[in-house]
């Protein structure tokens, strides 16, 4: 490549497999054009008869002389780091859900009543209690003082004597009600402890990832702008930045819709008009985050009004169907337009200004 003056480099984006090539080009200061595989296929279908990697590469190069594609916009490194951390966070969340389900399954055999010890069967204290008491025998063999000590050690937060006494009494009642389907020496008890400890580890790791995401995102101007929208907190804001990257690189909000795959597919033939559906050809992680975001905004609107939530509720009231998915997708469109406007104009969200439009 050093023998060529300003080479025009073009390649298909193949996820993790094209990352090394992309990193090499950026580190050595080469401009490049990165194509979506679907876009590349459409452009090459009329040119190729046979398909091999070598032929595809040659046809991409030949088509560049005709199409003269623009170089790909290279974002700052912080956006790539945030995307990697966002994917890591999502994977850890999936691992936590999987471990919770497995813990619930084995606990039904050993000590299902323990799930009622706290208001919800999740979190640091609950998982520590599961580790200490995988079956009722471990509760009943302890004295009142020993049981109270174990409960106090189950949480890193301050806990009152009254709360400790309440939990100790409740734990004893639950143990007396329980019947363990296996013996105290059963390997299932070790399995219960394993999943509880794994959940503690995964939860701690996920929090560390989130803290790092916040540290990276805080200096970016769009971080505070996203936080100003009711219903968007640290986790959602950092994940949106990670998945969408630098929003300023898009020419319009509609380009963002296409990027995440919520632009509508329209099909019409003669007198037949098909029902419109989203394309789902974009970023599935971003779709999932924004889908949840709409429901968070709707929940927060009881105390923090937002025009996106108003639109969502209005669509629900006017709809004849019970499904909320179409209204959520429509609300995502409105949220994207709002985010795009605020970030490109460097403004914080103001509910009153949306009422005058």
Protein backbone atom coordinates (compact mmCIF):
# COMPACT_ATOMS: atom_id res chain seq x y z
CA UNK A 1 0.00 0.00 0.00
CA UNK A 2 2.94 2.30 0.60
CA UNK A 3 3.74 2.19 -3.12
CA UNK A 4 0.31 3.66 -3.98
CA UNK A 5 -0.46 7.35 -3.55
CA UNK A 6 -3.77 7.93 -1.72
CA UNK A 7 -5.34 4.52 -2.41
CA UNK A 8 -9.13 4.25 -2.39
CA UNK A 9 -9.93 1.41 0.03
CA UNK A 10 -13.36 -0.19 0.15
CA UNK A 11 -14.56 -3.23 2.10
CA UNK A 12 -17.70 -4.80 3.54
CA UNK A 13 -18.45 -4.40 7.25
CA UNK A 14 -18.40 -7.92 8.69
CA UNK A 15 -18.69 -7.14 12.40
CA UNK A 16 -15.79 -8.35 14.50
CA UNK A 17 -14.04 -9.81 11.44
CA UNK A 18 -13.48 -6.41 9.76
CA UNK A 19 -12.50 -4.64 13.00
CA UNK A 20 -8.80 -5.48 12.66
CA UNK A 21 -8.62 -4.16 9.09
CA UNK A 22 -10.47 -1.01 10.14
CA UNK A 23 -8.12 -0.47 13.10
CA UNK A 24 -5.05 -0.94 10.87
CA UNK A 25 -6.30 1.62 8.34
CA UNK A 26 -7.16 4.18 11.02
CA UNK A 27 -3.85 3.74 12.84
CA UNK A 28 -1.91 4.25 9.59
CA UNK A 29 -4.01 7.22 8.48
CA UNK A 30 -5.73 5.65 5.46
CA UNK A 31 -9.21 6.83 4.45
CA UNK A 32 -11.61 3.99 3.67
CA UNK A 33 -15.19 3.27 2.64
CA UNK A 34 -16.96 0.68 4.78
CA UNK A 35 -20.05 -0.79 3.14
CA UNK A 36 -23.05 -2.47 4.69
CA UNK A 37 -23.05 -6.07 3.30
CA UNK A 38 -26.65 -5.70 2.07
CA UNK A 39 -25.79 -2.45 0.30
CA UNK A 40 -22.72 -4.08 -1.26
CA UNK A 41 -24.80 -7.06 -2.45
CA UNK A 42 -27.34 -4.80 -4.15
CA UNK A 43 -24.60 -2.83 -5.89
CA UNK A 44 -22.75 -5.93 -7.12
CA UNK A 45 -25.68 -8.17 -8.12
CA UNK A 46 -25.79 -6.66 -11.61
CA UNK A 47 -22.02 -7.00 -12.06
CA UNK A 48 -21.24 -10.57 -11.02
CA UNK A 49 -22.13 -13.93 -12.45
CA UNK A 50 -20.11 -16.03 -10.01
CA UNK A 51 -19.52 -15.29 -6.34
CA UNK A 52 -16.23 -15.79 -4.53
CA UNK A 53 -14.45 -13.56 -2.03
CA UNK A 54 -11.79 -12.75 -4.63
CA UNK A 55 -14.36 -11.83 -7.30
CA UNK A 56 -16.36 -9.74 -4.81
CA UNK A 57 -13.25 -7.77 -3.84
CA UNK A 58 -12.41 -7.14 -7.50
CA UNK A 59 -15.97 -6.06 -8.33
CA UNK A 60 -16.09 -3.72 -5.31
CA UNK A 61 -12.92 -2.05 -6.55
CA UNK A 62 -14.26 -1.75 -10.12
CA UNK A 63 -17.60 -0.35 -8.94
CA UNK A 64 -15.82 2.34 -6.95
CA UNK A 65 -14.71 4.01 -10.21
CA UNK A 66 -18.37 4.23 -11.27
CA UNK A 67 -20.12 4.97 -7.96
CA UNK A 68 -17.34 7.08 -6.40
CA UNK A 69 -18.52 6.37 -2.85
CA UNK A 70 -17.58 8.84 -0.13
CA UNK A 71 -15.07 7.80 2.58
CA UNK A 72 -16.61 6.50 5.81
CA UNK A 73 -16.84 9.00 8.65
CA UNK A 74 -14.36 7.99 11.36
CA UNK A 75 -15.69 8.64 14.86
CA UNK A 76 -13.64 9.48 17.92
CA UNK A 77 -12.27 6.45 19.77
CA UNK A 78 -14.50 7.12 22.80
CA UNK A 79 -17.61 6.17 20.79
CA UNK A 80 -16.13 2.79 19.82
CA UNK A 81 -15.12 2.18 23.45
CA UNK A 82 -18.65 3.02 24.59
CA UNK A 83 -20.12 0.65 22.01
CA UNK A 84 -17.85 -2.19 23.16
CA UNK A 85 -18.76 -1.53 26.79
CA UNK A 86 -22.47 -1.30 25.90
CA UNK A 87 -22.32 -4.74 24.24
CA UNK A 88 -20.42 -6.10 27.25
CA UNK A 89 -23.11 -4.66 29.55
CA UNK A 90 -25.89 -6.26 27.47
CA UNK A 91 -24.10 -9.64 27.51
CA UNK A 92 -23.66 -9.47 31.29
CA UNK A 93 -27.36 -8.65 31.67
CA UNK A 94 -28.25 -11.73 29.60
CA UNK A 95 -25.89 -13.85 31.75
CA UNK A 96 -27.57 -12.53 34.91
CA UNK A 97 -31.05 -13.39 33.60
CA UNK A 98 -29.85 -16.88 32.67
CA UNK A 99 -28.23 -17.44 36.09
CA UNK A 100 -31.38 -16.17 37.88
CA UNK A 101 -33.53 -18.68 36.01
CA UNK A 102 -31.17 -21.53 36.84
CA UNK A 103 -31.01 -20.53 40.50
CA UNK A 104 -34.81 -20.40 40.68
CA UNK A 105 -35.01 -23.88 39.13
CA UNK A 106 -32.66 -25.61 41.62
CA UNK A 107 -34.02 -23.65 44.59
CA UNK A 108 -37.46 -25.15 43.94
CA UNK A 109 -35.97 -28.49 44.97
CA UNK A 110 -33.94 -27.36 48.00
CA UNK A 111 -35.56 -24.31 49.64
CA UNK A 112 -38.24 -22.55 47.50
CA UNK A 113 -39.65 -20.66 50.52
CA UNK A 114 -36.42 -18.65 50.71
CA UNK A 115 -37.57 -16.62 47.69
CA UNK A 116 -40.09 -14.94 50.03
CA UNK A 117 -37.54 -13.72 52.59
CA UNK A 118 -37.20 -10.29 50.90
CA UNK A 119 -39.64 -8.22 48.86
CA UNK A 120 -37.97 -9.44 45.64
CA UNK A 121 -35.74 -12.52 45.17
CA UNK A 122 -32.77 -10.61 43.75
CA UNK A 123 -29.87 -8.42 44.81
CA UNK A 124 -26.76 -8.68 46.98
CA UNK A 125 -28.48 -9.53 50.29
CA UNK A 126 -30.74 -12.18 48.78
CA UNK A 127 -27.91 -13.94 46.95
CA UNK A 128 -25.75 -13.90 50.09
CA UNK A 129 -28.62 -15.44 52.07
CA UNK A 130 -29.02 -18.15 49.41
CA UNK A 131 -25.29 -18.89 49.65
CA UNK A 132 -25.51 -19.19 53.44
CA UNK A 133 -28.79 -21.13 53.52
CA UNK A 134 -29.21 -23.35 50.41
CA UNK A 135 -31.64 -25.55 52.38
CA UNK A 136 -33.62 -25.30 55.64
CA UNK A 137 -31.15 -27.40 57.67
CA UNK A 138 -28.57 -24.61 57.56
CA UNK A 139 -31.11 -22.27 59.18
CA UNK A 140 -32.44 -24.58 61.88
CA UNK A 141 -29.00 -25.71 63.08
CA UNK A 142 -28.00 -22.13 64.04
CA UNK A 143 -28.73 -20.36 67.31
CA UNK A 144 -30.63 -17.08 67.29
CA UNK A 145 -27.41 -15.06 67.69
CA UNK A 146 -25.62 -16.99 64.93
CA UNK A 147 -28.57 -16.52 62.60
CA UNK A 148 -28.65 -12.78 63.32
CA UNK A 149 -24.92 -12.54 62.60
CA UNK A 150 -25.34 -14.29 59.23
CA UNK A 151 -28.15 -11.91 58.27
CA UNK A 152 -26.07 -8.88 59.26
CA UNK A 153 -23.17 -10.14 57.10
CA UNK A 154 -25.47 -10.70 54.12
CA UNK A 155 -25.53 -7.00 53.18
CA UNK A 156 -22.90 -4.30 52.80
CA UNK A 157 -25.49 -1.67 53.77
CA UNK A 158 -26.38 -0.59 57.29
CA UNK A 159 -29.15 -2.70 58.78
CA UNK A 160 -31.03 -2.03 62.03
CA UNK A 161 -31.35 -4.51 64.89
CA UNK A 162 -35.11 -4.45 64.36
CA UNK A 163 -34.71 -5.44 60.71
CA UNK A 164 -32.24 -8.21 61.62
CA UNK A 165 -34.63 -9.63 64.24
CA UNK A 166 -37.52 -9.50 61.75
CA UNK A 167 -35.56 -11.35 59.04
CA UNK A 168 -34.24 -13.93 61.53
CA UNK A 169 -37.77 -14.72 62.71
CA UNK A 170 -39.14 -14.84 59.15
CA UNK A 171 -36.27 -17.08 58.01
CA UNK A 172 -36.98 -19.51 60.85
CA UNK A 173 -40.69 -19.60 59.98
CA UNK A 174 -39.90 -20.26 56.30
CA UNK A 175 -37.43 -23.01 57.24
CA UNK A 176 -40.03 -24.74 59.43
CA UNK A 177 -42.52 -24.61 56.54
CA UNK A 178 -40.05 -26.04 54.04
CA UNK A 179 -39.34 -29.60 53.01
CA UNK A 180 -36.08 -30.21 51.16
CA UNK A 181 -36.32 -32.83 48.39
CA UNK A 182 -32.62 -33.75 48.70
CA UNK A 183 -30.22 -34.59 51.50
CA UNK A 184 -27.85 -32.09 53.05
CA UNK A 185 -24.96 -33.80 51.23
CA UNK A 186 -26.62 -33.48 47.80
CA UNK A 187 -24.60 -31.82 45.00
CA UNK A 188 -27.67 -29.68 44.27
CA UNK A 189 -26.84 -27.56 47.33
CA UNK A 190 -23.45 -26.81 45.80
CA UNK A 191 -25.22 -25.89 42.58
CA UNK A 192 -27.47 -23.45 44.47
CA UNK A 193 -24.42 -21.81 46.04
CA UNK A 194 -22.63 -21.68 42.69
CA UNK A 195 -25.42 -19.74 40.96
CA UNK A 196 -25.84 -17.36 43.91
CA UNK A 197 -22.10 -16.59 43.94
CA UNK A 198 -22.08 -16.26 40.15
CA UNK A 199 -24.91 -13.71 40.35
CA UNK A 200 -22.96 -11.70 42.91
CA UNK A 201 -19.90 -11.74 40.63
CA UNK A 202 -21.84 -10.86 37.47
CA UNK A 203 -23.74 -8.07 39.21
CA UNK A 204 -20.50 -6.55 40.51
CA UNK A 205 -18.88 -6.80 37.07
CA UNK A 206 -21.88 -5.20 35.38
CA UNK A 207 -21.80 -2.28 37.81
CA UNK A 208 -18.07 -1.81 37.10
CA UNK A 209 -18.80 -1.72 33.35
CA UNK A 210 -21.58 0.84 33.87
CA UNK A 211 -19.28 3.03 36.00
CA UNK A 212 -16.68 2.97 33.22
CA UNK A 213 -19.33 3.85 30.62
CA UNK A 214 -20.45 6.84 32.68
CA UNK A 215 -16.84 8.00 33.13
CA UNK A 216 -16.28 7.90 29.35
CA UNK A 217 -19.64 9.49 28.45
CA UNK A 218 -19.68 12.35 30.99
CA UNK A 219 -17.29 14.65 29.05
CA UNK A 220 -19.42 14.30 25.89
CA UNK A 221 -21.96 17.14 25.41
CA UNK A 222 -24.75 14.74 24.38
CA UNK A 223 -24.58 12.92 27.73
CA UNK A 224 -26.18 15.74 29.75
CA UNK A 225 -28.60 16.42 26.90
CA UNK A 226 -29.88 12.83 26.97
CA UNK A 227 -30.13 12.87 30.77
CA UNK A 228 -32.34 15.97 30.53
CA UNK A 229 -35.04 13.88 28.79
CA UNK A 230 -37.41 12.46 31.47
CA UNK A 231 -37.11 8.69 31.81
CA UNK A 232 -33.52 8.48 30.52
CA UNK A 233 -30.99 7.66 33.25
CA UNK A 234 -27.26 6.86 33.24
CA UNK A 235 -27.55 3.30 31.89
CA UNK A 236 -29.84 4.25 29.00
CA UNK A 237 -27.95 7.44 28.12
CA UNK A 238 -24.56 5.72 27.93
CA UNK A 239 -26.02 2.79 25.98
CA UNK A 240 -27.69 5.12 23.45
CA UNK A 241 -24.40 6.96 22.89
CA UNK A 242 -22.57 3.64 22.61
CA UNK A 243 -24.94 2.19 20.01
CA UNK A 244 -25.71 5.32 17.96
CA UNK A 245 -22.23 6.82 18.22
CA UNK A 246 -21.78 10.46 17.24
CA UNK A 247 -25.31 11.44 16.20
CA UNK A 248 -23.97 14.57 14.48
CA UNK A 249 -22.61 12.42 11.63
CA UNK A 250 -26.17 11.73 10.42
CA UNK A 251 -27.69 14.14 7.91
CA UNK A 252 -31.23 13.70 9.29
CA UNK A 253 -33.27 11.87 11.91
CA UNK A 254 -34.54 9.55 9.15
CA UNK A 255 -30.99 8.32 8.61
CA UNK A 256 -30.91 7.27 12.28
CA UNK A 257 -34.21 5.41 11.76
CA UNK A 258 -32.60 3.46 8.91
CA UNK A 259 -29.41 2.92 10.92
CA UNK A 260 -31.29 1.13 13.71
CA UNK A 261 -33.83 -0.53 11.39
CA UNK A 262 -37.14 1.10 12.31
CA UNK A 263 -37.80 2.69 8.93
CA UNK A 264 -41.00 1.30 7.43
CA UNK A 265 -41.08 -1.20 4.54
CA UNK A 266 -43.79 -0.22 2.04
CA UNK A 267 -45.14 -2.76 -0.48
CA UNK A 268 -47.82 -1.95 -3.04
CA UNK A 269 -48.82 -3.93 -6.13
CA UNK A 270 -51.92 -3.17 -8.18
CA UNK A 271 -54.84 -2.97 -5.78
CA UNK A 272 -52.91 -4.76 -3.04
CA UNK A 273 -51.40 -2.69 -0.25
CA UNK A 274 -49.43 -4.67 2.33
CA UNK A 275 -49.35 -3.75 5.98
CA UNK A 276 -46.25 -1.70 6.74
CA UNK A 277 -43.54 -3.24 8.91
CA UNK A 278 -40.19 -1.99 10.16
CA UNK A 279 -37.23 -3.26 8.13
CA UNK A 280 -35.23 -4.64 11.12
CA UNK A 281 -32.08 -4.35 8.99
CA UNK A 282 -30.24 -2.03 11.32
CA UNK A 283 -28.74 -2.19 14.80
CA UNK A 284 -30.77 -4.66 16.93
CA UNK A 285 -29.08 -3.52 20.16
CA UNK A 286 -30.13 0.09 19.57
CA UNK A 287 -33.71 -1.01 18.78
CA UNK A 288 -33.91 -2.95 22.04
CA UNK A 289 -32.52 -0.06 24.10
CA UNK A 290 -34.86 2.52 22.55
CA UNK A 291 -37.84 0.16 22.86
CA UNK A 292 -37.27 -0.10 26.63
CA UNK A 293 -36.54 3.62 26.76
CA UNK A 294 -40.06 4.51 25.55
CA UNK A 295 -41.63 2.49 28.37
CA UNK A 296 -39.29 4.15 30.90
CA UNK A 297 -40.31 7.58 29.57
CA UNK A 298 -44.00 6.61 29.82
CA UNK A 299 -43.53 5.44 33.43
CA UNK A 300 -41.60 8.59 34.40
CA UNK A 301 -44.23 10.87 32.85
CA UNK A 302 -46.42 10.59 35.97
CA UNK A 303 -43.98 12.92 37.75
CA UNK A 304 -41.82 14.23 34.85
CA UNK A 305 -43.95 15.06 31.80
CA UNK A 306 -42.54 14.43 28.33
CA UNK A 307 -44.12 15.06 24.93
CA UNK A 308 -42.95 11.61 23.76
CA UNK A 309 -44.95 10.02 26.59
CA UNK A 310 -47.95 12.23 25.71
CA UNK A 311 -47.75 11.00 22.11
CA UNK A 312 -47.43 7.37 23.24
CA UNK A 313 -50.49 7.59 25.54
CA UNK A 314 -52.51 9.38 22.86
CA UNK A 315 -51.75 6.65 20.33
CA UNK A 316 -52.75 3.98 22.86
CA UNK A 317 -56.09 5.68 23.58
CA UNK A 318 -56.92 6.06 19.88
CA UNK A 319 -55.87 2.53 18.90
CA UNK A 320 -58.35 -0.25 18.26
CA UNK A 321 -55.75 -2.98 18.94
CA UNK A 322 -54.39 -4.20 22.28
CA UNK A 323 -50.78 -4.42 21.05
CA UNK A 324 -48.58 -1.51 22.15
CA UNK A 325 -45.72 -2.34 19.77
CA UNK A 326 -46.87 -0.06 16.88
CA UNK A 327 -47.25 2.85 19.32
CA UNK A 328 -43.81 2.17 20.78
CA UNK A 329 -42.22 2.18 17.30
CA UNK A 330 -43.99 5.45 16.42
CA UNK A 331 -42.80 6.94 19.73
CA UNK A 332 -39.22 5.84 18.98
CA UNK A 333 -39.43 7.89 15.76
CA UNK A 334 -40.48 10.92 17.79
CA UNK A 335 -37.78 10.33 20.42
CA UNK A 336 -35.09 10.07 17.72
CA UNK A 337 -36.21 13.36 16.15
CA UNK A 338 -36.09 14.96 19.60
CA UNK A 339 -32.62 13.61 20.40
CA UNK A 340 -31.29 14.59 16.98
CA UNK A 341 -32.59 18.16 17.28
CA UNK A 342 -31.33 18.64 20.85
CA UNK A 343 -27.86 17.23 20.18
CA UNK A 344 -27.30 19.02 16.86
CA UNK A 345 -28.46 22.32 18.44
CA UNK A 346 -26.75 21.64 21.80
CA UNK A 347 -29.93 22.22 23.84
CA UNK A 348 -31.32 20.57 26.97
CA UNK A 349 -34.84 19.13 26.92
CA UNK A 350 -37.62 21.53 27.92
CA UNK A 351 -41.15 20.17 28.10
CA UNK A 352 -42.81 23.61 27.94
CA UNK A 353 -41.13 24.45 24.63
CA UNK A 354 -42.60 21.29 23.06
CA UNK A 355 -46.13 22.47 23.91
CA UNK A 356 -45.78 25.59 21.76
CA UNK A 357 -44.99 23.65 18.59
